[in-house]
Structure formats: structure tokens, C-alpha cells
Amino acid sequence: MFTLSHGTRVRKSPFYDATVDAGVSAFTVYNHMMMPTGYRDPVSEYWRLIHGVSLWDVAVERQVEVVGPDAAELAQALTPRSLSTLQVGRGRYAPICDHDGILLNDPIILKLNEDQFWFSIADSDLMLWARAVAQERRLRVTVFEPDVGPLAVQGPKSTDVVADVFGDWVRDLPLFGFRQIVHQDMPLVVARSGWSKQGGFEIYLRDRQYGTDLWNLLMEAGFAYEIGPGYPNTMERIEGGLLSFGSDTDAETNPYEVRLGRYVNLDTAPTAIGIEALRKIHAEGPKRHQLGVLFDEGAPLSRVDVWMGAQKDGVDIGSVTSSVFSIRLERTIGLALVDRLAAQPGDRITVDTADGEREAELVDLPFDVDTNLQRPAGPKVAPPEPAPPAG
């Protein structure tokens, strides 16, 4: 057992105290912040997401704000996905690439006003890149990190919980649609989004002093729906084939290799950085592609490593980039980045794991899981004690 030391370079989220009170047992560091990754009962936390509703502290999804007369121009320069039709109150999943077409991040871009955008980022210092591009192009913008921390409400019962708190209007929000509101003095952005296949919302808090208040408000409203704390769940996201930037990508990965080609608009984003390189990659075809890995039946891996070497007929074909034991499939599963010409779904491969060589099959994504499996019954989680007023 060891302790992860942290200081001012590793920040706490606005919801840190609430997660501690909720029994958080593990953290990771993401975007220079502490992110909860467990609450002592991973099986219940998984089933809660699949069949109920789960509350996540995802304040580590930092916002890079771009504001000013040339904000739209900078936003379009940063992504090869066309933003020309993006309306105020809507978001768009969009890859960010360098001049060689290599992925730097895969944020949700939210358009708050005609001259104001948020980039809700994965784990990388995108603000530095955005500032450099703005300066190089002499754009009239300000690029900074605002006081914003999201909470995610995920799972099939999430809409009922969020509607009970904010009103039935949330039921009409389209995917990646959002509304800016003030609720009980808390300035918020309520968006239909989240990093799971189960659906849900992200509630962006715009004043960190209300962190515990917002957490408790959602927990209290969710008590009737058996809400509980959770986190971006590795098992659910690999089953669903969701990309984890930095985990499933390396310094040479382009969008076409990891199933993001449909978010690249080669003809309608002519000013985007990397567009010429992406046109060439598209014309020639990517060297690698992302597939699922279904390990043969057997004991779960004793240690689930990432970027494990994979071979087909004794020849290296790439790597298994992330893996986990799936409760519903009763197998270890994973995601692989492999040679596009040498490896296809249905191929048998050998994977170098911490337990030695393991046999597996490459499969299409997402995995075919039984959504009708039911979780074991358990007690409801007691609602938190009312928090004292903030400030």
C-alpha cells in the first residue's frame, strides 16, 4: 500500500469534500487534478450505471474558454470538424489535431455565445496549444481556464433525477444540447452529454463554492432512484467501445485509426490545422485501426496492463491498449490498435500479459453485451445530510 502525495500542482475538485464523505476509496490524476475512480464496491457501481443512475465528479474535464471577436475563427482552426452550423446552446464532439493530423485531444466543444466557446477537454494541456495558435494567427481572442467544474449524472434513470431537480424541460434537450441557468443561486450549464453509453447529463458548475451544495442536491433528488456515487467506468466504456484519449492513443495516432473519421470534415473545414495531412491519410488509408479484443475463457488477468503487445501467427501486429474483466461477458476484454492490413475481426491473436501469453480473438466494436442482465438487489444509499449554506 502507498499514498499518492499531492500539492498545489495537483488540484482538488469543487466536489472533493463531498466525494470523501461519500466514501471515495481511489483517485487518479487527470488534467493535474484528482479524479475519483472507486467507492469500495466496483460491482455495485457498475450495475448502478447500467440499470440505474450514478453521480460522477468529473471536474477534471477542464474547460478551455475561447472568447472574443475571433473566437469562432480560432475554434474552427483547432478542429477538422466543421463548426459552421454549430448553434448557440449546442455542443459537438470534435477531434483536435496537430499539423501532421495527429490527435492532441477529443473534447466536446460547447458554443455559449456567438463569440464564446468552451472546449471540455480530455487529459492534455490543450490551453497551451490554443494560446499558441491564437498568437500565431494574431486572433482577437482570450484563451483561459474558467471556474467551471462538471458533475455527470449517468444511467437510464438520469433523466428522471435531473428533471426532478431542474424541471421537465431537460427531457427535451437533444444530445449535446445545453441550457445556461441559475438554480438556487448556483450558476450552471445543464447539458445532455457524458462519457458513457447509458446516457445522461453533465452539470457544469460555474462557481466552485457551491460544489458540495450541488452534489447534495443531486444525491437527495436521486435517492428515490437509488442513486449512488460513481466514476467514468472502465468496464462500461470498453464494452461500449468508447475511446480514452491518452490510454488508447499514442503520439502517432490519427482520428481515422480510432474510429473518429466521421468527425473529420475534409471539405468544409479548410482552415483547420492538420487538414492537408488528414486528406492524405484518408486518401492512402490509415496504417492501423481499432478493434475489440475478446480473450479466451479463463481467470481474469491478475494485473490489467495497457499497451500489451499482440501477435498474429508469431508476427507483431500492434497492441492491446486497454483491458478489463467484463461482468456481462464473463471474459477479459480490451481495445486494440493493430495493423489495418494484417489484422481483421475474427483473427486469432496472442497477447503478452503480466500472466504470460494469452489467446484472444479480434472483434468488431462495440462488444455484444446482454443489456437485460439484472444486477443483484441491494439497499438504497442514504441521502446526505443537508449542507450548510455556501459562502
Protein backbone atom coordinates (compact mmCIF):
# COMPACT_ATOMS: atom_id res chain seq x y z
CA MET A 1 0.00 0.00 0.00
CA PHE A 2 1.22 3.51 -0.78
CA THR A 3 -0.01 7.09 -0.65
CA LEU A 4 -0.22 9.44 -3.60
CA SER A 5 1.24 12.75 -2.48
CA HIS A 6 -0.32 15.89 -3.87
CA GLY A 7 0.27 19.60 -3.57
CA THR A 8 -0.83 22.73 -5.35
CA ARG A 9 0.15 21.26 -8.73
CA VAL A 10 -2.47 18.54 -8.26
CA ARG A 11 -5.73 20.31 -7.53
CA LYS A 12 -8.86 19.20 -5.74
CA SER A 13 -12.23 19.50 -7.44
CA PRO A 14 -15.14 21.57 -6.09
CA PHE A 15 -16.75 18.23 -5.15
CA TYR A 16 -13.74 16.75 -3.34
CA ASP A 17 -15.20 17.02 0.18
CA ALA A 18 -18.49 15.52 -0.99
CA THR A 19 -16.74 12.54 -2.59
CA VAL A 20 -14.76 11.93 0.59
CA ASP A 21 -17.99 11.96 2.60
CA ALA A 22 -19.45 9.52 0.04
CA GLY A 23 -16.65 7.04 0.74
CA VAL A 24 -14.27 7.52 -2.19
CA SER A 25 -11.50 4.94 -1.98
CA ALA A 26 -9.33 5.65 -5.02
CA PHE A 27 -8.19 8.59 -7.12
CA THR A 28 -6.20 9.08 -10.27
CA VAL A 29 -4.56 12.26 -11.57
CA TYR A 30 -6.11 13.72 -14.72
CA ASN A 31 -5.52 17.20 -16.10
CA HIS A 32 -3.46 18.00 -12.98
CA MET A 33 -6.47 17.21 -10.76
CA MET A 34 -7.61 14.38 -8.52
CA MET A 35 -10.39 12.28 -10.05
CA PRO A 36 -12.32 9.63 -8.05
CA THR A 37 -12.03 6.12 -9.52
CA GLY A 38 -13.77 3.99 -6.91
CA TYR A 39 -16.01 3.85 -3.85
CA ARG A 40 -15.09 0.38 -2.50
CA ASP A 41 -17.80 -1.58 -4.34
CA PRO A 42 -16.93 -1.74 -8.05
CA VAL A 43 -19.57 -4.37 -8.88
CA SER A 44 -22.45 -2.33 -7.45
CA GLU A 45 -21.02 0.83 -9.00
CA TYR A 46 -21.05 -0.87 -12.41
CA TRP A 47 -24.62 -2.19 -12.15
CA ARG A 48 -25.83 1.17 -10.87
CA LEU A 49 -24.60 2.75 -14.09
CA ILE A 50 -26.09 0.03 -16.29
CA HIS A 51 -29.56 -0.14 -14.71
CA GLY A 52 -29.94 2.94 -12.51
CA VAL A 53 -28.25 6.29 -12.03
CA SER A 54 -24.76 7.25 -10.97
CA LEU A 55 -23.24 10.59 -9.89
CA TRP A 56 -19.67 11.32 -11.01
CA ASP A 57 -17.20 14.01 -10.05
CA VAL A 58 -15.69 14.81 -13.45
CA ALA A 59 -14.39 18.29 -12.68
CA VAL A 60 -11.14 17.04 -14.25
CA GLU A 61 -12.85 17.66 -17.60
CA ARG A 62 -11.35 21.12 -17.61
CA GLN A 63 -12.83 23.86 -19.78
CA VAL A 64 -10.67 25.88 -22.12
CA GLU A 65 -12.62 29.06 -22.84
CA VAL A 66 -12.14 30.93 -26.09
CA VAL A 67 -13.83 34.33 -26.14
CA GLY A 68 -13.53 37.42 -28.32
CA PRO A 69 -14.32 38.74 -31.81
CA ASP A 70 -12.30 35.95 -33.48
CA ALA A 71 -13.41 33.12 -31.17
CA ALA A 72 -15.27 31.25 -33.92
CA GLU A 73 -12.25 31.51 -36.21
CA LEU A 74 -9.94 30.06 -33.57
CA ALA A 75 -12.39 27.30 -32.66
CA GLN A 76 -12.55 26.21 -36.30
CA ALA A 77 -8.77 26.40 -36.66
CA LEU A 78 -8.38 23.95 -33.78
CA THR A 79 -10.61 21.17 -35.15
CA PRO A 80 -11.09 19.46 -38.52
CA ARG A 81 -14.77 19.03 -37.75
CA SER A 82 -16.87 21.76 -39.31
CA LEU A 83 -18.41 24.18 -36.82
CA SER A 84 -20.14 26.34 -39.41
CA THR A 85 -23.62 25.13 -38.43
CA LEU A 86 -22.99 24.91 -34.67
CA GLN A 87 -25.64 26.94 -32.88
CA VAL A 88 -25.57 28.67 -29.51
CA GLY A 89 -26.77 26.16 -26.91
CA ARG A 90 -25.33 23.16 -28.70
CA GLY A 91 -22.12 21.16 -28.35
CA ARG A 92 -20.19 18.98 -30.77
CA TYR A 93 -17.72 16.15 -30.26
CA ALA A 94 -14.62 17.15 -32.20
CA PRO A 95 -11.04 15.86 -32.57
CA ILE A 96 -8.15 18.28 -32.18
CA CYS A 97 -5.12 17.55 -34.37
CA ASP A 98 -1.64 18.90 -34.96
CA HIS A 99 -0.21 19.82 -38.37
CA ASP A 100 0.51 16.15 -39.11
CA GLY A 101 -3.06 15.08 -38.36
CA ILE A 102 -2.09 13.52 -35.01
CA LEU A 103 -4.70 13.62 -32.23
CA LEU A 104 -3.99 16.11 -29.45
CA ASN A 105 -7.36 15.86 -27.70
CA ASP A 106 -11.00 14.92 -28.32
CA PRO A 107 -13.17 17.45 -26.48
CA ILE A 108 -16.79 18.44 -26.60
CA ILE A 109 -16.96 21.97 -27.99
CA LEU A 110 -19.83 23.99 -26.48
CA LYS A 111 -20.99 27.24 -28.08
CA LEU A 112 -22.17 29.50 -25.26
CA ASN A 113 -22.46 32.67 -27.37
CA GLU A 114 -21.50 33.73 -30.86
CA ASP A 115 -18.11 34.84 -29.55
CA GLN A 116 -17.66 32.37 -26.66
CA PHE A 117 -16.77 28.66 -26.75
CA TRP A 118 -15.80 26.04 -24.19
CA PHE A 119 -13.58 23.10 -25.04
CA SER A 120 -14.42 20.38 -22.48
CA ILE A 121 -11.15 18.51 -22.73
CA ALA A 122 -9.61 15.10 -22.17
CA ASP A 123 -6.26 14.72 -20.44
CA SER A 124 -3.79 17.11 -22.12
CA ASP A 125 -2.74 20.76 -21.85
CA LEU A 126 -4.89 21.97 -24.72
CA MET A 127 -4.98 25.54 -23.40
CA LEU A 128 -1.28 25.96 -24.25
CA TRP A 129 -1.88 24.79 -27.82
CA ALA A 130 -4.90 27.07 -28.24
CA ARG A 131 -2.99 30.08 -26.96
CA ALA A 132 -0.09 29.39 -29.31
CA VAL A 133 -2.40 29.09 -32.32
CA ALA A 134 -4.22 32.30 -31.37
CA GLN A 135 -0.95 34.21 -31.12
CA GLU A 136 0.47 32.75 -34.32
CA ARG A 137 -2.67 33.74 -36.26
CA ARG A 138 -2.94 37.11 -34.48
CA LEU A 139 -6.53 36.47 -33.49
CA ARG A 140 -8.50 38.80 -31.22
CA VAL A 141 -9.36 36.29 -28.52
CA THR A 142 -8.71 35.48 -24.90
CA VAL A 143 -7.94 31.86 -24.03
CA PHE A 144 -8.14 30.81 -20.37
CA GLU A 145 -9.48 28.23 -17.92
CA PRO A 146 -12.73 29.44 -16.30
CA ASP A 147 -14.01 28.50 -12.85
CA VAL A 148 -16.05 25.55 -14.10
CA GLY A 149 -16.38 22.01 -12.75
CA PRO A 150 -18.76 19.40 -14.21
CA LEU A 151 -20.73 16.73 -12.39
CA ALA A 152 -22.02 13.86 -14.51
CA VAL A 153 -25.38 12.18 -13.87
CA GLN A 154 -25.31 8.97 -15.92
CA GLY A 155 -27.52 5.93 -16.39
CA PRO A 156 -31.03 5.09 -17.64
CA LYS A 157 -32.68 6.84 -14.69
CA SER A 158 -30.59 10.01 -15.00
CA THR A 159 -33.25 11.96 -16.91
CA ASP A 160 -35.79 11.49 -14.11
CA VAL A 161 -33.31 12.70 -11.49
CA VAL A 162 -32.22 15.77 -13.45
CA ALA A 163 -35.81 16.61 -14.39
CA ASP A 164 -36.87 16.39 -10.74
CA VAL A 165 -34.20 18.97 -9.88
CA PHE A 166 -34.33 21.41 -12.79
CA GLY A 167 -37.67 20.79 -14.50
CA ASP A 168 -39.12 18.71 -17.31
CA TRP A 169 -37.52 20.96 -19.93
CA VAL A 170 -34.37 18.84 -19.60
CA ARG A 171 -36.24 15.94 -21.24
CA ASP A 172 -36.33 17.93 -24.49
CA LEU A 173 -32.60 18.64 -24.63
CA PRO A 174 -31.05 16.95 -27.68
CA LEU A 175 -27.75 15.11 -27.42
CA PHE A 176 -25.05 17.72 -26.72
CA GLY A 177 -27.71 20.38 -26.25
CA PHE A 178 -27.45 22.57 -23.15
CA ARG A 179 -29.02 25.49 -21.30
CA GLN A 180 -27.38 28.12 -19.10
CA ILE A 181 -29.35 28.62 -15.87
CA VAL A 182 -29.14 29.83 -12.28
CA HIS A 183 -30.63 27.38 -9.78
CA GLN A 184 -30.71 28.15 -6.04
CA ASP A 185 -28.07 30.86 -6.65
CA MET A 186 -25.81 28.36 -8.44
CA PRO A 187 -24.74 29.39 -11.96
CA LEU A 188 -24.90 26.24 -14.10
CA VAL A 189 -24.81 24.83 -17.59
CA VAL A 190 -27.04 21.75 -17.90
CA ALA A 191 -26.03 19.58 -20.88
CA ARG A 192 -27.21 16.24 -22.23
CA SER A 193 -23.83 14.54 -22.53
CA GLY A 194 -21.42 12.27 -20.69
CA TRP A 195 -18.75 9.61 -21.12
CA SER A 196 -20.94 6.52 -21.05
CA LYS A 197 -23.17 4.56 -23.40
CA GLN A 198 -26.02 4.68 -20.87
CA GLY A 199 -26.92 8.31 -21.49
CA GLY A 200 -27.16 11.17 -19.06
CA PHE A 201 -26.26 14.75 -18.28
CA GLU A 202 -23.30 16.87 -17.31
CA ILE A 203 -23.98 19.75 -14.92
CA TYR A 204 -21.28 22.40 -15.28
CA LEU A 205 -20.91 24.37 -12.03
CA ARG A 206 -19.61 27.90 -12.68
CA ASP A 207 -18.76 28.81 -9.08
CA ARG A 208 -16.77 26.27 -7.04
CA GLN A 209 -18.06 27.48 -3.67
CA TYR A 210 -21.30 25.59 -4.41
CA GLY A 211 -19.62 22.23 -5.04
CA THR A 212 -20.98 20.38 -2.01
CA ASP A 213 -24.39 22.04 -2.38
CA LEU A 214 -24.77 20.80 -5.95
CA TRP A 215 -23.58 17.29 -5.10
CA ASN A 216 -26.02 17.01 -2.20
CA LEU A 217 -28.88 18.46 -4.25
CA LEU A 218 -28.49 15.74 -6.89
CA MET A 219 -27.97 12.97 -4.34
CA GLU A 220 -31.09 13.95 -2.44
CA ALA A 221 -33.18 14.11 -5.61
CA GLY A 222 -31.79 10.76 -6.72
CA PHE A 223 -32.49 8.86 -3.51
CA ALA A 224 -35.84 7.62 -4.83
CA TYR A 225 -34.00 6.24 -7.88
CA GLU A 226 -31.24 4.53 -5.83
CA ILE A 227 -28.56 6.94 -6.96
CA GLY A 228 -25.03 6.43 -5.75
CA PRO A 229 -21.52 7.74 -6.40
CA GLY A 230 -19.58 6.50 -9.39
CA TYR A 231 -16.93 7.45 -11.91
CA PRO A 232 -16.09 7.05 -15.62
CA ASN A 233 -16.38 3.27 -15.56
CA THR A 234 -13.63 1.36 -17.37
CA MET A 235 -15.72 -1.79 -17.81
CA GLU A 236 -18.71 0.01 -19.30
CA ARG A 237 -16.64 2.23 -21.59
CA ILE A 238 -14.61 -0.68 -23.04
CA GLU A 239 -17.78 -2.74 -23.54
CA GLY A 240 -19.22 0.26 -25.40
CA GLY A 241 -16.04 0.87 -27.38
CA LEU A 242 -15.53 4.40 -26.07
CA LEU A 243 -12.13 5.92 -26.82
CA SER A 244 -9.97 7.05 -23.90
CA PHE A 245 -7.59 9.67 -25.24
CA GLY A 246 -4.10 9.03 -23.89
CA SER A 247 -4.96 5.47 -22.93
CA ASP A 248 -5.94 4.17 -26.37
CA THR A 249 -3.84 6.65 -28.36
CA ASP A 250 -0.13 7.29 -28.70
CA ALA A 251 1.99 10.08 -30.19
CA GLU A 252 1.28 8.84 -33.73
CA THR A 253 -2.49 8.21 -33.60
CA ASN A 254 -4.74 10.00 -36.08
CA PRO A 255 -8.56 10.16 -35.98
CA TYR A 256 -9.04 7.56 -38.71
CA GLU A 257 -7.19 4.92 -36.70
CA VAL A 258 -9.55 5.17 -33.73
CA ARG A 259 -12.94 5.38 -35.45
CA LEU A 260 -13.17 9.19 -35.40
CA GLY A 261 -13.09 9.66 -39.16
CA ARG A 262 -16.79 10.58 -39.25
CA TYR A 263 -15.93 13.68 -37.19
CA VAL A 264 -13.44 14.96 -39.78
CA ASN A 265 -14.91 17.21 -42.50
CA LEU A 266 -12.23 17.32 -45.15
CA ASP A 267 -14.02 19.78 -47.46
CA THR A 268 -15.89 22.00 -45.01
CA ALA A 269 -13.11 22.81 -42.53
CA PRO A 270 -10.45 24.24 -44.89
CA THR A 271 -8.75 26.44 -42.26
CA ALA A 272 -8.34 23.66 -39.68
CA ILE A 273 -4.86 22.72 -38.54
CA GLY A 274 -3.81 19.38 -39.97
CA ILE A 275 -6.47 19.27 -42.69
CA GLU A 276 -3.98 18.66 -45.52
CA ALA A 277 -2.34 15.80 -43.60
CA LEU A 278 -5.75 14.30 -42.86
CA ARG A 279 -6.72 14.45 -46.52
CA LYS A 280 -3.57 12.48 -47.36
CA ILE A 281 -4.22 9.91 -44.60
CA HIS A 282 -7.79 9.50 -45.81
CA ALA A 283 -6.70 9.03 -49.42
CA GLU A 284 -3.99 6.50 -48.60
CA GLY A 285 -5.84 4.77 -45.76
CA PRO A 286 -4.66 4.67 -42.13
CA LYS A 287 -1.92 2.23 -41.17
CA ARG A 288 -3.76 0.99 -38.05
CA HIS A 289 -7.31 0.54 -36.86
CA GLN A 290 -9.04 0.00 -33.53
CA LEU A 291 -10.75 -3.31 -32.79
CA GLY A 292 -12.11 -5.11 -29.78
CA VAL A 293 -10.27 -8.00 -28.11
CA LEU A 294 -12.18 -10.93 -26.59
CA PHE A 295 -9.86 -13.08 -24.51
CA ASP A 296 -10.47 -16.82 -24.30
CA GLU A 297 -12.30 -18.11 -21.24
CA GLY A 298 -10.16 -18.27 -18.15
CA ALA A 299 -9.28 -16.45 -14.97
CA PRO A 300 -9.22 -12.65 -15.15
CA LEU A 301 -5.80 -11.14 -15.64
CA SER A 302 -4.07 -10.67 -12.29
CA ARG A 303 -2.94 -7.22 -13.40
CA VAL A 304 -4.66 -5.42 -16.26
CA ASP A 305 -1.83 -3.72 -18.12
CA VAL A 306 -2.15 -1.32 -21.02
CA TRP A 307 -0.33 -1.42 -24.34
CA MET A 308 0.32 -5.15 -24.23
CA GLY A 309 1.98 -6.50 -27.35
CA ALA A 310 -0.17 -8.56 -29.74
CA GLN A 311 0.93 -11.10 -32.34
CA LYS A 312 -0.80 -12.97 -35.13
CA ASP A 313 0.92 -16.13 -36.34
CA GLY A 314 4.03 -15.02 -34.48
CA VAL A 315 4.19 -11.61 -36.17
CA ASP A 316 3.75 -8.36 -34.23
CA ILE A 317 0.57 -6.61 -35.32
CA GLY A 318 0.16 -3.91 -32.66
CA SER A 319 -1.00 -3.61 -29.08
CA VAL A 320 -3.92 -4.13 -26.74
CA THR A 321 -4.23 -0.59 -25.42
CA SER A 322 -6.62 -1.17 -22.51
CA SER A 323 -8.40 -4.14 -20.98
CA VAL A 324 -10.76 -5.12 -18.18
CA PHE A 325 -12.80 -8.09 -16.95
CA SER A 326 -16.39 -7.78 -18.18
CA ILE A 327 -19.08 -8.96 -15.77
CA ARG A 328 -21.68 -9.36 -18.50
CA LEU A 329 -19.43 -11.18 -20.95
CA GLU A 330 -17.63 -13.12 -18.19
CA ARG A 331 -14.39 -12.58 -20.10
CA THR A 332 -11.46 -10.22 -20.10
CA ILE A 333 -12.00 -7.79 -22.97
CA GLY A 334 -9.99 -4.96 -24.39
CA LEU A 335 -9.34 -2.46 -27.15
CA ALA A 336 -6.52 -2.91 -29.62
CA LEU A 337 -4.70 -0.67 -32.07
CA VAL A 338 -3.44 -3.02 -34.77
CA ASP A 339 -2.13 -3.10 -38.33
CA ARG A 340 -5.08 -2.46 -40.64
CA LEU A 341 -3.90 -4.81 -43.38
CA ALA A 342 -2.61 -7.61 -41.16
CA ALA A 343 -5.39 -7.84 -38.54
CA GLN A 344 -9.16 -8.07 -39.01
CA PRO A 345 -12.20 -9.06 -36.92
CA GLY A 346 -12.27 -12.82 -36.46
CA ASP A 347 -8.48 -13.19 -36.37
CA ARG A 348 -6.89 -15.14 -33.54
CA ILE A 349 -4.08 -13.34 -31.71
CA THR A 350 -1.66 -13.90 -28.83
CA VAL A 351 -1.34 -11.15 -26.22
CA ASP A 352 1.67 -10.61 -23.95
CA THR A 353 0.15 -10.10 -20.49
CA ALA A 354 1.53 -9.95 -16.97
CA ASP A 355 0.33 -13.57 -16.62
CA GLY A 356 2.16 -14.67 -19.74
CA GLU A 357 0.80 -15.22 -23.22
CA ARG A 358 -3.00 -15.29 -23.52
CA GLU A 359 -5.08 -16.24 -26.55
CA ALA A 360 -7.80 -13.95 -27.84
CA GLU A 361 -9.95 -13.02 -30.82
CA LEU A 362 -10.27 -9.67 -32.55
CA VAL A 363 -13.89 -8.48 -32.82
CA ASP A 364 -15.88 -5.52 -34.06
CA LEU A 365 -16.84 -2.73 -31.67
CA PRO A 366 -18.87 -2.22 -29.60
CA PHE A 367 -18.99 -5.55 -27.79
CA ASP A 368 -22.23 -7.51 -27.93
CA VAL A 369 -23.35 -7.45 -24.30
CA ASP A 370 -26.63 -8.63 -22.82
CA THR A 371 -28.38 -5.47 -21.67
CA ASN A 372 -31.10 -7.49 -19.95
CA LEU A 373 -28.89 -8.94 -17.24
CA GLN A 374 -30.03 -7.69 -13.87
CA ARG A 375 -27.86 -6.56 -11.02
CA PRO A 376 -28.24 -8.11 -7.56
CA ALA A 377 -30.66 -6.32 -5.26
CA GLY A 378 -29.11 -4.12 -2.62
CA PRO A 379 -30.00 -1.47 -0.05
CA LYS A 380 -30.69 2.08 -1.06
CA VAL A 381 -27.97 4.61 -0.37
CA ALA A 382 -29.00 7.04 2.34
CA PRO A 383 -29.25 10.66 1.22
CA PRO A 384 -26.58 13.05 2.54
CA GLU A 385 -27.20 15.35 5.46
CA PRO A 386 -28.27 18.82 4.31
CA ALA A 387 -25.22 21.00 3.70
CA PRO A 388 -24.78 24.39 5.36
CA PRO A 389 -25.27 27.36 3.01
CA ALA A 390 -22.23 28.16 0.89
CA GLY A 391 -20.27 31.33 1.41
